[in-house]
């Protein structure tokens, strides 16, 4: 799974930047977040239905939006 650094999300355990990635399933993608510092934080934050997106850019945008819960503000 290719992991991308979120521009503003921080680990709730150690405050380091978070990475996000997607894993393809039968009819959706699972969205995962993990800590860049490898403190052990990893969470599946949701799914994106394949019918909701037409391009990888759209999937990445939705996955990034799911990480807003880890930003201050």
PDB file of N, CA and C in Angstrom:
ATOM      1  N   UNK A   1       0.848  -1.167   0.000  1.00  0.00           N
ATOM      2  CA  UNK A   1       0.000   0.000   0.000  1.00  0.00           C
ATOM      3  C   UNK A   1       0.899   1.237   0.000  1.00  0.00           C
ATOM      4  N   UNK A   2       0.660   2.125  -0.937  1.00  0.00           N
ATOM      5  CA  UNK A   2       1.399   3.383  -1.018  1.00  0.00           C
ATOM      6  C   UNK A   2       0.854   4.341   0.034  1.00  0.00           C
ATOM      7  N   UNK A   3       1.730   4.859   0.886  1.00  0.00           N
ATOM      8  CA  UNK A   3       1.324   5.786   1.943  1.00  0.00           C
ATOM      9  C   UNK A   3       1.749   7.199   1.551  1.00  0.00           C
ATOM     10  N   UNK A   4       0.858   8.159   1.806  1.00  0.00           N
ATOM     11  CA  UNK A   4       1.070   9.565   1.465  1.00  0.00           C
ATOM     12  C   UNK A   4       0.996  10.380   2.746  1.00  0.00           C
ATOM     13  N   UNK A   5       1.909  11.328   2.915  1.00  0.00           N
ATOM     14  CA  UNK A   5       1.872  12.168   4.118  1.00  0.00           C
ATOM     15  C   UNK A   5       0.728  13.172   4.021  1.00  0.00           C
ATOM     16  N   UNK A   6      -0.100  13.194   5.058  1.00  0.00           N
ATOM     17  CA  UNK A   6      -1.198  14.160   5.127  1.00  0.00           C
ATOM     18  C   UNK A   6      -0.597  15.536   5.397  1.00  0.00           C
ATOM     19  N   UNK A   7      -1.092  16.593   4.737  1.00  0.00           N
ATOM     20  CA  UNK A   7      -0.476  17.911   4.893  1.00  0.00           C
ATOM     21  C   UNK A   7      -0.604  18.535   6.281  1.00  0.00           C
ATOM     22  N   UNK A   8      -1.601  18.119   7.077  1.00  0.00           N
ATOM     23  CA  UNK A   8      -1.779  18.783   8.376  1.00  0.00           C
ATOM     24  C   UNK A   8      -2.186  17.865   9.524  1.00  0.00           C
ATOM     25  N   UNK A   9      -2.446  16.602   9.269  1.00  0.00           N
ATOM     26  CA  UNK A   9      -2.885  15.694  10.331  1.00  0.00           C
ATOM     27  C   UNK A   9      -1.711  15.269  11.205  1.00  0.00           C
ATOM     28  N   UNK A  10      -1.970  15.197  12.513  1.00  0.00           N
ATOM     29  CA  UNK A  10      -0.939  14.802  13.477  1.00  0.00           C
ATOM     30  C   UNK A  10      -1.402  13.594  14.275  1.00  0.00           C
ATOM     31  N   UNK A  11      -0.465  12.749  14.629  1.00  0.00           N
ATOM     32  CA  UNK A  11      -0.750  11.553  15.412  1.00  0.00           C
ATOM     33  C   UNK A  11      -1.348  11.948  16.761  1.00  0.00           C
ATOM     34  N   UNK A  12      -2.458  11.349  17.140  1.00  0.00           N
ATOM     35  CA  UNK A  12      -3.058  11.669  18.438  1.00  0.00           C
ATOM     36  C   UNK A  12      -2.248  11.142  19.621  1.00  0.00           C
ATOM     37  N   UNK A  13      -1.289  10.252  19.357  1.00  0.00           N
ATOM     38  CA  UNK A  13      -0.484   9.679  20.436  1.00  0.00           C
ATOM     39  C   UNK A  13       0.852  10.386  20.634  1.00  0.00           C
ATOM     40  N   UNK A  14       1.492  10.834  19.520  1.00  0.00           N
ATOM     41  CA  UNK A  14       2.825  11.437  19.668  1.00  0.00           C
ATOM     42  C   UNK A  14       2.995  12.758  18.919  1.00  0.00           C
ATOM     43  N   UNK A  15       1.961  13.231  18.253  1.00  0.00           N
ATOM     44  CA  UNK A  15       1.932  14.519  17.535  1.00  0.00           C
ATOM     45  C   UNK A  15       2.800  14.585  16.281  1.00  0.00           C
ATOM     46  N   UNK A  16       3.323  13.472  15.816  1.00  0.00           N
ATOM     47  CA  UNK A  16       4.098  13.449  14.571  1.00  0.00           C
ATOM     48  C   UNK A  16       3.130  13.409  13.382  1.00  0.00           C
ATOM     49  N   UNK A  17       3.602  13.744  12.179  1.00  0.00           N
ATOM     50  CA  UNK A  17       2.731  13.717  10.997  1.00  0.00           C
ATOM     51  C   UNK A  17       2.167  12.314  10.740  1.00  0.00           C
ATOM     52  N   UNK A  18       0.996  12.286  10.095  1.00  0.00           N
ATOM     53  CA  UNK A  18       0.356  11.024   9.745  1.00  0.00           C
ATOM     54  C   UNK A  18       0.457  10.760   8.250  1.00  0.00           C
ATOM     55  N   UNK A  19       0.514   9.481   7.919  1.00  0.00           N
ATOM     56  CA  UNK A  19       0.456   9.006   6.547  1.00  0.00           C
ATOM     57  C   UNK A  19      -0.904   8.371   6.326  1.00  0.00           C
ATOM     58  N   UNK A  20      -1.385   8.404   5.079  1.00  0.00           N
ATOM     59  CA  UNK A  20      -2.619   7.697   4.767  1.00  0.00           C
ATOM     60  C   UNK A  20      -2.437   6.881   3.501  1.00  0.00           C
ATOM     61  N   UNK A  21      -3.231   5.826   3.400  1.00  0.00           N
ATOM     62  CA  UNK A  21      -3.173   4.968   2.233  1.00  0.00           C
ATOM     63  C   UNK A  21      -4.496   4.258   2.044  1.00  0.00           C
ATOM     64  N   UNK A  22      -4.687   3.675   0.875  1.00  0.00           N
ATOM     65  CA  UNK A  22      -5.928   2.969   0.575  1.00  0.00           C
ATOM     66  C   UNK A  22      -5.616   1.544   0.135  1.00  0.00           C
ATOM     67  N   UNK A  23      -6.534   0.659   0.472  1.00  0.00           N
ATOM     68  CA  UNK A  23      -6.403  -0.745   0.090  1.00  0.00           C
ATOM     69  C   UNK A  23      -7.672  -1.140  -0.653  1.00  0.00           C
ATOM     70  N   UNK A  24      -7.517  -1.644  -1.872  1.00  0.00           N
ATOM     71  CA  UNK A  24      -8.665  -2.004  -2.694  1.00  0.00           C
ATOM     72  C   UNK A  24      -9.331  -3.274  -2.182  1.00  0.00           C
ATOM     73  N   UNK A  25     -10.641  -3.219  -2.089  1.00  0.00           N
ATOM     74  CA  UNK A  25     -11.478  -4.366  -1.733  1.00  0.00           C
ATOM     75  C   UNK A  25     -12.396  -4.654  -2.926  1.00  0.00           C
ATOM     76  N   UNK A  26     -13.359  -5.527  -2.758  1.00  0.00           N
ATOM     77  CA  UNK A  26     -14.241  -5.917  -3.861  1.00  0.00           C
ATOM     78  C   UNK A  26     -15.043  -4.747  -4.435  1.00  0.00           C
ATOM     79  N   UNK A  27     -15.642  -3.920  -3.582  1.00  0.00           N
ATOM     80  CA  UNK A  27     -16.478  -2.823  -4.075  1.00  0.00           C
ATOM     81  C   UNK A  27     -16.129  -1.474  -3.463  1.00  0.00           C
ATOM     82  N   UNK A  28     -15.020  -1.430  -2.723  1.00  0.00           N
ATOM     83  CA  UNK A  28     -14.629  -0.173  -2.080  1.00  0.00           C
ATOM     84  C   UNK A  28     -13.139  -0.195  -1.767  1.00  0.00           C
ATOM     85  N   UNK A  29     -12.649   0.939  -1.304  1.00  0.00           N
ATOM     86  CA  UNK A  29     -11.286   1.043  -0.804  1.00  0.00           C
ATOM     87  C   UNK A  29     -11.355   1.294   0.688  1.00  0.00           C
ATOM     88  N   UNK A  30     -10.535   0.597   1.459  1.00  0.00           N
ATOM     89  CA  UNK A  30     -10.389   0.890   2.883  1.00  0.00           C
ATOM     90  C   UNK A  30      -9.340   1.989   3.004  1.00  0.00           C
ATOM     91  N   UNK A  31      -9.587   2.936   3.915  1.00  0.00           N
ATOM     92  CA  UNK A  31      -8.660   4.045   4.120  1.00  0.00           C
ATOM     93  C   UNK A  31      -7.991   3.862   5.476  1.00  0.00           C
ATOM     94  N   UNK A  32      -6.662   3.874   5.473  1.00  0.00           N
ATOM     95  CA  UNK A  32      -5.868   3.683   6.685  1.00  0.00           C
ATOM     96  C   UNK A  32      -5.014   4.914   6.961  1.00  0.00           C
ATOM     97  N   UNK A  33      -4.779   5.177   8.236  1.00  0.00           N
ATOM     98  CA  UNK A  33      -3.842   6.212   8.675  1.00  0.00           C
ATOM     99  C   UNK A  33      -2.842   5.573   9.620  1.00  0.00           C
ATOM    100  N   UNK A  34      -1.573   6.007   9.529  1.00  0.00           N
ATOM    101  CA  UNK A  34      -0.551   5.534  10.464  1.00  0.00           C
ATOM    102  C   UNK A  34       0.451   6.653  10.721  1.00  0.00           C
ATOM    103  N   UNK A  35       1.147   6.526  11.830  1.00  0.00           N
ATOM    104  CA  UNK A  35       2.103   7.539  12.271  1.00  0.00           C
ATOM    105  C   UNK A  35       3.422   7.415  11.513  1.00  0.00           C
ATOM    106  N   UNK A  36       4.000   8.567  11.133  1.00  0.00           N
ATOM    107  CA  UNK A  36       5.303   8.555  10.462  1.00  0.00           C
ATOM    108  C   UNK A  36       6.418   8.140  11.410  1.00  0.00           C
ATOM    109  N   UNK A  37       6.222   8.347  12.714  1.00  0.00           N
ATOM    110  CA  UNK A  37       7.252   8.014  13.705  1.00  0.00           C
ATOM    111  C   UNK A  37       7.197   6.547  14.120  1.00  0.00           C
ATOM    112  N   UNK A  38       6.233   5.817  13.585  1.00  0.00           N
ATOM    113  CA  UNK A  38       6.084   4.390  13.906  1.00  0.00           C
ATOM    114  C   UNK A  38       5.892   4.156  15.404  1.00  0.00           C
ATOM    115  N   UNK A  39       5.126   5.035  16.047  1.00  0.00           N
ATOM    116  CA  UNK A  39       4.855   4.889  17.477  1.00  0.00           C
ATOM    117  C   UNK A  39       3.847   3.774  17.743  1.00  0.00           C
ATOM    118  N   UNK A  40       3.272   3.244  16.673  1.00  0.00           N
ATOM    119  CA  UNK A  40       2.302   2.176  16.826  1.00  0.00           C
ATOM    120  C   UNK A  40       0.891   2.586  16.461  1.00  0.00           C
ATOM    121  N   UNK A  41       0.661   3.894  16.264  1.00  0.00           N
ATOM    122  CA  UNK A  41      -0.681   4.339  15.896  1.00  0.00           C
ATOM    123  C   UNK A  41      -0.979   3.929  14.465  1.00  0.00           C
ATOM    124  N   UNK A  42      -2.084   3.215  14.291  1.00  0.00           N
ATOM    125  CA  UNK A  42      -2.594   2.834  12.981  1.00  0.00           C
ATOM    126  C   UNK A  42      -4.088   2.669  13.128  1.00  0.00           C
ATOM    127  N   UNK A  43      -4.843   3.225  12.192  1.00  0.00           N
ATOM    128  CA  UNK A  43      -6.294   3.146  12.298  1.00  0.00           C
ATOM    129  C   UNK A  43      -6.919   3.089  10.913  1.00  0.00           C
ATOM    130  N   UNK A  44      -7.926   2.224  10.768  1.00  0.00           N
ATOM    131  CA  UNK A  44      -8.742   2.234   9.553  1.00  0.00           C
ATOM    132  C   UNK A  44      -9.836   3.249   9.814  1.00  0.00           C
ATOM    133  N   UNK A  45      -9.874   4.311   9.019  1.00  0.00           N
ATOM    134  CA  UNK A  45     -10.791   5.416   9.298  1.00  0.00           C
ATOM    135  C   UNK A  45     -12.075   5.356   8.495  1.00  0.00           C
ATOM    136  N   UNK A  46     -12.143   4.497   7.503  1.00  0.00           N
ATOM    137  CA  UNK A  46     -13.381   4.397   6.736  1.00  0.00           C
ATOM    138  C   UNK A  46     -13.177   3.710   5.405  1.00  0.00           C
ATOM    139  N   UNK A  47     -14.206   3.835   4.586  1.00  0.00           N
ATOM    140  CA  UNK A  47     -14.210   3.239   3.250  1.00  0.00           C
ATOM    141  C   UNK A  47     -14.678   4.275   2.237  1.00  0.00           C
ATOM    142  N   UNK A  48     -14.240   4.099   1.007  1.00  0.00           N
ATOM    143  CA  UNK A  48     -14.723   4.896  -0.111  1.00  0.00           C
ATOM    144  C   UNK A  48     -15.258   3.911  -1.141  1.00  0.00           C
ATOM    145  N   UNK A  49     -16.530   4.047  -1.471  1.00  0.00           N
ATOM    146  CA  UNK A  49     -17.148   3.171  -2.454  1.00  0.00           C
ATOM    147  C   UNK A  49     -16.566   3.439  -3.836  1.00  0.00           C
ATOM    148  N   UNK A  50     -16.351   2.380  -4.594  1.00  0.00           N
ATOM    149  CA  UNK A  50     -15.820   2.544  -5.949  1.00  0.00           C
ATOM    150  C   UNK A  50     -16.761   3.364  -6.818  1.00  0.00           C
ATOM    151  N   UNK A  51     -18.045   3.332  -6.520  1.00  0.00           N
ATOM    152  CA  UNK A  51     -19.006   4.105  -7.309  1.00  0.00           C
ATOM    153  C   UNK A  51     -18.931   5.603  -7.019  1.00  0.00           C
ATOM    154  N   UNK A  52     -18.229   6.002  -5.945  1.00  0.00           N
ATOM    155  CA  UNK A  52     -18.113   7.416  -5.579  1.00  0.00           C
ATOM    156  C   UNK A  52     -16.991   8.135  -6.311  1.00  0.00           C
ATOM    157  N   UNK A  53     -16.046   7.404  -6.870  1.00  0.00           N
ATOM    158  CA  UNK A  53     -14.875   8.032  -7.496  1.00  0.00           C
ATOM    159  C   UNK A  53     -14.596   7.426  -8.870  1.00  0.00           C
ATOM    160  N   UNK A  54     -14.084   8.282  -9.760  1.00  0.00           N
ATOM    161  CA  UNK A  54     -13.723   7.829 -11.103  1.00  0.00           C
ATOM    162  C   UNK A  54     -12.218   7.778 -11.322  1.00  0.00           C
ATOM    163  N   UNK A  55     -11.472   8.534 -10.498  1.00  0.00           N
ATOM    164  CA  UNK A  55     -10.028   8.639 -10.686  1.00  0.00           C
ATOM    165  C   UNK A  55      -9.302   8.520  -9.355  1.00  0.00           C
ATOM    166  N   UNK A  56      -8.036   8.151  -9.429  1.00  0.00           N
ATOM    167  CA  UNK A  56      -7.202   8.027  -8.231  1.00  0.00           C
ATOM    168  C   UNK A  56      -7.133   9.344  -7.468  1.00  0.00           C
ATOM    169  N   UNK A  57      -7.099  10.469  -8.191  1.00  0.00           N
ATOM    170  CA  UNK A  57      -7.044  11.778  -7.530  1.00  0.00           C
ATOM    171  C   UNK A  57      -8.249  12.000  -6.628  1.00  0.00           C
ATOM    172  N   UNK A  58      -9.420  11.567  -7.081  1.00  0.00           N
ATOM    173  CA  UNK A  58     -10.632  11.704  -6.270  1.00  0.00           C
ATOM    174  C   UNK A  58     -10.549  10.825  -5.027  1.00  0.00           C
ATOM    175  N   UNK A  59     -10.044   9.616  -5.191  1.00  0.00           N
ATOM    176  CA  UNK A  59      -9.882   8.710  -4.053  1.00  0.00           C
ATOM    177  C   UNK A  59      -8.920   9.315  -3.037  1.00  0.00           C
ATOM    178  N   UNK A  60      -7.792   9.840  -3.514  1.00  0.00           N
ATOM    179  CA  UNK A  60      -6.814  10.454  -2.610  1.00  0.00           C
ATOM    180  C   UNK A  60      -7.418  11.647  -1.871  1.00  0.00           C
ATOM    181  N   UNK A  61      -8.216  12.461  -2.562  1.00  0.00           N
ATOM    182  CA  UNK A  61      -8.842  13.623  -1.926  1.00  0.00           C
ATOM    183  C   UNK A  61      -9.795  13.185  -0.819  1.00  0.00           C
ATOM    184  N   UNK A  62     -10.613  12.170  -1.094  1.00  0.00           N
ATOM    185  CA  UNK A  62     -11.547  11.678  -0.076  1.00  0.00           C
ATOM    186  C   UNK A  62     -10.797  11.073   1.111  1.00  0.00           C
ATOM    187  N   UNK A  63      -9.733  10.337   0.830  1.00  0.00           N
ATOM    188  CA  UNK A  63      -8.936   9.742   1.910  1.00  0.00           C
ATOM    189  C   UNK A  63      -8.286  10.832   2.754  1.00  0.00           C
ATOM    190  N   UNK A  64      -7.800  11.886   2.101  1.00  0.00           N
ATOM    191  CA  UNK A  64      -7.194  13.001   2.834  1.00  0.00           C
ATOM    192  C   UNK A  64      -8.234  13.700   3.705  1.00  0.00           C
ATOM    193  N   UNK A  65      -9.450  13.885   3.180  1.00  0.00           N
ATOM    194  CA  UNK A  65     -10.524  14.521   3.953  1.00  0.00           C
ATOM    195  C   UNK A  65     -10.851  13.725   5.212  1.00  0.00           C
ATOM    196  N   UNK A  66     -10.755  12.404   5.139  1.00  0.00           N
ATOM    197  CA  UNK A  66     -11.034  11.575   6.312  1.00  0.00           C
ATOM    198  C   UNK A  66     -10.035  11.824   7.436  1.00  0.00           C
ATOM    199  N   UNK A  67      -8.863  12.347   7.100  1.00  0.00           N
ATOM    200  CA  UNK A  67      -7.843  12.638   8.100  1.00  0.00           C
ATOM    201  C   UNK A  67      -8.030  13.967   8.802  1.00  0.00           C
ATOM    202  N   UNK A  68      -9.006  14.753   8.382  1.00  0.00           N
ATOM    203  CA  UNK A  68      -9.242  16.053   9.010  1.00  0.00           C
ATOM    204  C   UNK A  68      -9.556  15.908  10.499  1.00  0.00           C
ATOM    205  N   UNK A  69     -10.022  14.743  10.910  1.00  0.00           N
ATOM    206  CA  UNK A  69     -10.309  14.519  12.338  1.00  0.00           C
ATOM    207  C   UNK A  69      -9.041  14.568  13.187  1.00  0.00           C
ATOM    208  N   UNK A  70      -7.875  14.465  12.539  1.00  0.00           N
ATOM    209  CA  UNK A  70      -6.602  14.485  13.261  1.00  0.00           C
ATOM    210  C   UNK A  70      -5.878  15.827  13.149  1.00  0.00           C
ATOM    211  N   UNK A  71      -6.587  16.857  12.714  1.00  0.00           N
ATOM    212  CA  UNK A  71      -5.979  18.186  12.614  1.00  0.00           C
ATOM    213  C   UNK A  71      -6.495  19.069  13.739  1.00  0.00           C
ATOM    214  N   UNK A  72      -5.724  20.086  14.049  1.00  0.00           N
ATOM    215  CA  UNK A  72      -6.163  21.053  15.053  1.00  0.00           C
ATOM    216  C   UNK A  72      -6.965  22.122  14.338  1.00  0.00           C
ATOM    217  N   UNK A  73      -8.216  22.233  14.691  1.00  0.00           N
ATOM    218  CA  UNK A  73      -8.986  23.283  14.045  1.00  0.00           C
ATOM    219  C   UNK A  73     -10.194  22.759  13.485  1.00  0.00           C
TER     220      UNK A  73
END
